[in-house]
Structures are given as structure tokens and as C-alpha cells.
C-alpha atoms as a PDB file:
ATOM      1  CA  MET A   1       0.000   0.000   0.000  1.00  0.00           C
ATOM      2  CA  ASP A   2       2.887   2.376   0.765  1.00  0.00           C
ATOM      3  CA  LEU A   3       4.150   1.980  -2.790  1.00  0.00           C
ATOM      4  CA  SER A   4       0.766   3.023  -4.171  1.00  0.00           C
ATOM      5  CA  ILE A   5       0.752   6.160  -2.058  1.00  0.00           C
ATOM      6  CA  ASN A   6       4.319   6.978  -3.106  1.00  0.00           C
ATOM      7  CA  ARG A   7       3.396   6.490  -6.776  1.00  0.00           C
ATOM      8  CA  VAL A   8       0.374   8.779  -6.385  1.00  0.00           C
ATOM      9  CA  ALA A   9       2.513  11.399  -4.656  1.00  0.00           C
ATOM     10  CA  ALA A  10       5.121  11.169  -7.421  1.00  0.00           C
ATOM     11  CA  GLN A  11       2.405  11.632 -10.048  1.00  0.00           C
ATOM     12  CA  ALA A  12       1.078  14.635  -8.147  1.00  0.00           C
ATOM     13  CA  VAL A  13       4.552  16.175  -7.982  1.00  0.00           C
ATOM     14  CA  THR A  14       5.037  15.609 -11.712  1.00  0.00           C
ATOM     15  CA  ALA A  15       1.668  17.160 -12.526  1.00  0.00           C
ATOM     16  CA  ALA A  16       2.283  20.167 -10.281  1.00  0.00           C
ATOM     17  CA  THR A  17       5.769  20.649 -11.725  1.00  0.00           C
ATOM     18  CA  LYS A  18       4.448  20.583 -15.282  1.00  0.00           C
ATOM     19  CA  LYS A  19       1.689  23.018 -14.328  1.00  0.00           C
ATOM     20  CA  SER A  20       4.133  25.436 -12.695  1.00  0.00           C
ATOM     21  CA  GLN A  21       6.566  25.191 -15.622  1.00  0.00           C
ATOM     22  CA  ALA A  22       3.787  25.992 -18.085  1.00  0.00           C
ATOM     23  CA  GLY A  23       3.238  29.319 -16.338  1.00  0.00           C
ATOM     24  CA  SER A  24       6.906  30.120 -15.766  1.00  0.00           C
ATOM     25  CA  ASP A  25       7.297  32.262 -18.897  1.00  0.00           C
ATOM     26  CA  THR A  26       5.784  35.281 -17.175  1.00  0.00           C
ATOM     27  CA  PRO A  27       6.499  34.997 -13.465  1.00  0.00           C
ATOM     28  CA  VAL A  28       4.975  37.490 -11.056  1.00  0.00           C
ATOM     29  CA  ALA A  29       7.123  38.673  -8.172  1.00  0.00           C
ATOM     30  CA  HIS A  30       5.998  37.555  -4.732  1.00  0.00           C
ATOM     31  CA  GLY A  31       4.172  40.241  -2.797  1.00  0.00           C
ATOM     32  CA  VAL A  32       4.145  42.723  -5.701  1.00  0.00           C
ATOM     33  CA  SER A  33       0.799  43.990  -6.900  1.00  0.00           C
ATOM     34  CA  SER A  34       0.536  44.845 -10.569  1.00  0.00           C
ATOM     35  CA  GLY A  35      -2.891  46.378 -10.196  1.00  0.00           C
ATOM     36  CA  GLU A  36      -4.469  43.193 -11.508  1.00  0.00           C
ATOM     37  CA  ASP A  37      -5.487  40.048  -9.668  1.00  0.00           C
ATOM     38  CA  ASN A  38      -2.568  38.032 -11.030  1.00  0.00           C
ATOM     39  CA  VAL A  39      -1.573  34.990  -9.053  1.00  0.00           C
ATOM     40  CA  ASP A  40       1.954  33.675  -9.060  1.00  0.00           C
ATOM     41  CA  GLU A  41       1.393  30.142 -10.305  1.00  0.00           C
ATOM     42  CA  THR A  42       4.910  29.172  -9.261  1.00  0.00           C
ATOM     43  CA  SER A  43       4.509  30.152  -5.616  1.00  0.00           C
ATOM     44  CA  PRO A  44       5.309  27.372  -3.167  1.00  0.00           C
ATOM     45  CA  SER A  45       1.918  27.648  -1.454  1.00  0.00           C
ATOM     46  CA  LEU A  46       0.062  27.098  -4.733  1.00  0.00           C
ATOM     47  CA  ARG A  47       2.241  24.110  -5.580  1.00  0.00           C
ATOM     48  CA  VAL A  48       1.633  22.623  -2.121  1.00  0.00           C
ATOM     49  CA  ASN A  49      -2.108  23.160  -2.524  1.00  0.00           C
ATOM     50  CA  ASP A  50      -2.002  21.454  -5.942  1.00  0.00           C
ATOM     51  CA  LEU A  51      -0.119  18.512  -4.426  1.00  0.00           C
ATOM     52  CA  LYS A  52      -2.568  18.250  -1.527  1.00  0.00           C
ATOM     53  CA  ALA A  53      -5.525  18.263  -3.907  1.00  0.00           C
ATOM     54  CA  ALA A  54      -3.951  15.635  -6.160  1.00  0.00           C
ATOM     55  CA  VAL A  55      -3.090  13.302  -3.284  1.00  0.00           C
ATOM     56  CA  THR A  56      -6.431  13.818  -1.528  1.00  0.00           C
ATOM     57  CA  GLY A  57      -8.360  13.175  -4.737  1.00  0.00           C
ATOM     58  CA  ALA A  58      -6.364  10.057  -5.580  1.00  0.00           C
ATOM     59  CA  SER A  59      -7.634   6.743  -4.314  1.00  0.00           C
ATOM     60  CA  GLY A  60      -4.233   5.062  -4.255  1.00  0.00           C
ATOM     61  CA  ILE A  61      -5.805   2.069  -5.972  1.00  0.00           C
ATOM     62  CA  ASP A  62      -4.362   0.773  -9.221  1.00  0.00           C
ATOM     63  CA  GLN A  63      -7.613   0.292 -11.140  1.00  0.00           C
ATOM     64  CA  GLU A  64      -5.874  -1.488 -14.017  1.00  0.00           C
ATOM     65  CA  LYS A  65      -4.411  -4.062 -11.636  1.00  0.00           C
ATOM     66  CA  VAL A  66      -7.791  -4.539  -9.954  1.00  0.00           C
ATOM     67  CA  HIS A  67      -9.372  -5.134 -13.363  1.00  0.00           C
ATOM     68  CA  ARG A  68      -6.659  -7.650 -14.346  1.00  0.00           C
ATOM     69  CA  ILE A  69      -7.050  -9.589 -11.107  1.00  0.00           C
ATOM     70  CA  ALA A  70     -10.865  -9.565 -11.285  1.00  0.00           C
ATOM     71  CA  THR A  71     -10.708 -10.865 -14.849  1.00  0.00           C
ATOM     72  CA  ALA A  72      -8.265 -13.612 -13.848  1.00  0.00           C
ATOM     73  CA  ILE A  73     -10.540 -14.642 -10.957  1.00  0.00           C
ATOM     74  CA  ARG A  74     -13.599 -14.745 -13.254  1.00  0.00           C
ATOM     75  CA  ASN A  75     -11.680 -16.863 -15.771  1.00  0.00           C
ATOM     76  CA  GLY A  76     -10.359 -19.239 -13.092  1.00  0.00           C
ATOM     77  CA  GLN A  77      -6.784 -18.199 -13.870  1.00  0.00           C
ATOM     78  CA  TYR A  78      -5.929 -16.511 -10.561  1.00  0.00           C
ATOM     79  CA  VAL A  79      -3.617 -18.718  -8.525  1.00  0.00           C
ATOM     80  CA  ILE A  80      -3.441 -18.178  -4.775  1.00  0.00           C
ATOM     81  CA  ASN A  81      -0.076 -18.993  -3.214  1.00  0.00           C
ATOM     82  CA  PRO A  82      -0.619 -19.334   0.563  1.00  0.00           C
ATOM     83  CA  GLU A  83       3.141 -19.560   1.215  1.00  0.00           C
ATOM     84  CA  ASN A  84       3.754 -16.238  -0.533  1.00  0.00           C
ATOM     85  CA  ILE A  85       0.885 -14.615   1.374  1.00  0.00           C
ATOM     86  CA  ALA A  86       2.255 -15.891   4.693  1.00  0.00           C
ATOM     87  CA  LYS A  87       5.775 -14.637   3.901  1.00  0.00           C
ATOM     88  CA  ARG A  88       4.501 -11.180   2.999  1.00  0.00           C
ATOM     89  CA  LEU A  89       2.312 -10.967   6.117  1.00  0.00           C
ATOM     90  CA  LEU A  90       5.262 -11.907   8.320  1.00  0.00           C
ATOM     91  CA  ALA A  91       7.546  -9.445   6.547  1.00  0.00           C
ATOM     92  CA  ALA A  92       4.986  -6.669   7.049  1.00  0.00           C
ATOM     93  CA  GLU A  93       4.679  -7.481  10.757  1.00  0.00           C
ATOM     94  CA  LEU A  94       8.445  -7.523  11.265  1.00  0.00           C
ATOM     95  CA  ARG A  95       8.968  -4.016   9.887  1.00  0.00           C
END
């Protein structure tokens, strides 16, 4: 599960970075009013808010993997390996 959350966070960082780079051609100085309601799209607080929204909105569930497993179960092709499950449970408990 931790890997899923890390992947979602990495995707959020990538998306926020691309978004901030797209607006970096005309940066607005922090704390300087130009008389218009311009927002500095590269400000750290906006990037953090974008990251928070992306991570909060993400389920952390790999829908493609869920679909593959569900299909394999329906087709009788999903093999359960109790030894592997036991090893992973023990490894998780020993962390």
C-alpha cells in the first residue's frame, strides 16, 4: 500500500511541476501587486495546494491491476499462493 501512495505522490509532484513550468514564462514577483489580480502560479503555497488536492483526490488504488485480477478470478486463472501470502504478512509485521 505504501508503494501506491508513493506512486500517487510522485504523479502529483510531476503534474504540479508541469503546471508550474507551463506558467513560468511570465512569473509574477511575490508580494508585488501589478494592479491586476494576477496569481503567481509558481509560488510554493500554490504548488503545495495542488499537491494536496492531487493526493487527496487520488484513491491510491491501481484500477488497471484490480481489473486484471478480477478478470483472472472470473476466468479461473488466478492462482493463490498461501506460502507467498504468509511470507509477505510476516515481513509486514516484522517491519
